[in-house]
Amino acid sequence: MYLDNGNAVITGNNNDNSRIIINDDYDNIRILDSIIWYIDNTKAQKIVEKLITRNSVQNPTSIVWHMYDFDGVTIVHTVTDTITYSPGVFEFSRTRTIS
């Protein structure tokens, strides 16, 4: 996505339950919640899904990656990062769980 003032950070697709990070007027900031990669444009089969949970200051506190089998439905691996901050916006620790 292109904005005249150049403040588009990243784009998502609202049809995929993700939001778009756009800072077009400093009063309208939306943060990405998820990203989904599909096999093709039918969106019937997923490849990878990334889910982000944020705290009150919009720092990610949990990032979950789901990797899908060839059928595009069955999750074969999950990677979860749990992040803590101290103080404020500085990352203090990150714990990764792989299943």
Protein backbone atom coordinates (compact mmCIF):
# COMPACT_ATOMS: atom_id res chain seq x y z
CA MET A 1 0.00 0.00 0.00
CA TYR A 2 1.28 3.45 -0.82
CA LEU A 3 0.37 6.58 1.08
CA ASP A 4 1.27 10.06 -0.13
CA ASN A 5 2.99 10.96 3.12
CA GLY A 6 5.02 7.73 3.16
CA ASN A 7 3.94 6.51 6.60
CA ALA A 8 2.58 3.10 5.64
CA VAL A 9 4.58 0.57 7.62
CA ILE A 10 3.17 -2.79 6.60
CA THR A 11 0.00 -4.03 5.01
CA GLY A 12 -2.30 -6.89 5.85
CA ASN A 13 -5.58 -8.08 4.47
CA ASN A 14 -8.70 -7.38 6.54
CA ASN A 15 -10.38 -10.39 4.92
CA ASP A 16 -7.82 -12.59 6.71
CA ASN A 17 -8.73 -11.19 10.14
CA SER A 18 -5.59 -9.10 10.21
CA ARG A 19 -5.35 -5.38 10.63
CA ILE A 20 -3.11 -2.96 8.77
CA ILE A 21 -0.34 -0.93 10.34
CA ILE A 22 -0.82 2.52 8.90
CA ASN A 23 0.19 5.75 10.54
CA ASP A 24 -1.32 8.15 8.06
CA ASP A 25 -2.26 10.98 10.41
CA TYR A 26 -0.88 9.94 13.84
CA ASP A 27 -4.47 9.67 15.07
CA ASN A 28 -5.27 6.50 13.14
CA ILE A 29 -2.76 3.79 14.08
CA ARG A 30 -3.82 0.19 13.60
CA ILE A 31 -1.63 -2.73 14.61
CA LEU A 32 -1.23 -6.08 12.88
CA ASP A 33 -2.83 -9.00 14.76
CA SER A 34 -2.22 -11.85 12.33
CA ILE A 35 -0.68 -12.82 9.04
CA ILE A 36 -1.74 -15.87 7.05
CA TRP A 37 0.04 -17.33 4.03
CA TYR A 38 -2.11 -19.49 1.74
CA ILE A 39 -1.36 -22.03 -0.99
CA ASP A 40 -3.25 -19.92 -3.55
CA ASN A 41 -5.86 -17.19 -3.86
CA THR A 42 -8.75 -19.50 -2.93
CA LYS A 43 -7.55 -19.27 0.70
CA ALA A 44 -8.68 -22.84 1.29
CA GLN A 45 -5.29 -24.15 2.43
CA LYS A 46 -2.95 -22.40 4.84
CA ILE A 47 0.83 -22.66 4.77
CA VAL A 48 1.79 -20.57 7.82
CA GLU A 49 -0.18 -18.47 10.26
CA LYS A 50 1.32 -15.87 12.62
CA LEU A 51 -0.79 -14.64 15.55
CA ILE A 52 0.27 -11.68 17.71
CA THR A 53 -1.09 -10.72 21.13
CA ARG A 54 -0.22 -7.24 22.37
CA ASN A 55 -0.20 -5.47 25.73
CA SER A 56 -1.75 -2.07 26.51
CA VAL A 57 1.16 -0.16 24.89
CA GLN A 58 0.98 -2.37 21.76
CA ASN A 59 4.15 -4.39 22.46
CA PRO A 60 3.83 -8.01 21.36
CA THR A 61 3.59 -10.26 24.41
CA SER A 62 2.94 -13.47 22.52
CA ILE A 63 3.78 -14.48 18.96
CA VAL A 64 2.46 -17.83 17.78
CA TRP A 65 3.44 -19.43 14.47
CA HIS A 66 1.37 -22.35 13.14
CA MET A 67 2.90 -24.43 10.34
CA TYR A 68 0.40 -26.47 8.34
CA ASP A 69 0.61 -29.90 6.71
CA PHE A 70 0.18 -30.36 2.96
CA ASP A 71 -3.62 -30.46 3.41
CA GLY A 72 -3.51 -26.83 4.57
CA VAL A 73 -5.73 -27.59 7.56
CA THR A 74 -3.71 -29.75 9.96
CA ILE A 75 -1.22 -27.91 12.18
CA VAL A 76 2.05 -29.87 12.23
CA HIS A 77 4.19 -27.50 14.30
CA THR A 78 3.58 -24.59 16.63
CA VAL A 79 6.22 -22.12 17.77
CA THR A 80 5.28 -19.76 20.60
CA ASP A 81 7.36 -16.80 21.77
CA THR A 82 6.39 -15.27 25.12
CA ILE A 83 7.90 -11.83 25.60
CA THR A 84 8.25 -9.67 28.72
CA TYR A 85 9.30 -6.02 28.93
CA SER A 86 11.17 -4.03 31.55
CA PRO A 87 10.69 -1.11 31.95
CA GLY A 88 8.12 -0.08 29.39
CA VAL A 89 9.15 -0.85 25.82
CA PHE A 90 12.48 -2.63 26.37
CA GLU A 91 12.40 -6.38 25.81
CA PHE A 92 13.53 -8.13 28.98
CA SER A 93 13.10 -11.80 28.10
CA ARG A 94 11.78 -14.10 25.41
CA THR A 95 10.86 -17.73 25.92
CA ARG A 96 10.33 -19.98 22.90
CA THR A 97 8.28 -23.17 22.97
CA ILE A 98 8.27 -25.50 19.97
CA SER A 99 5.70 -28.26 19.63
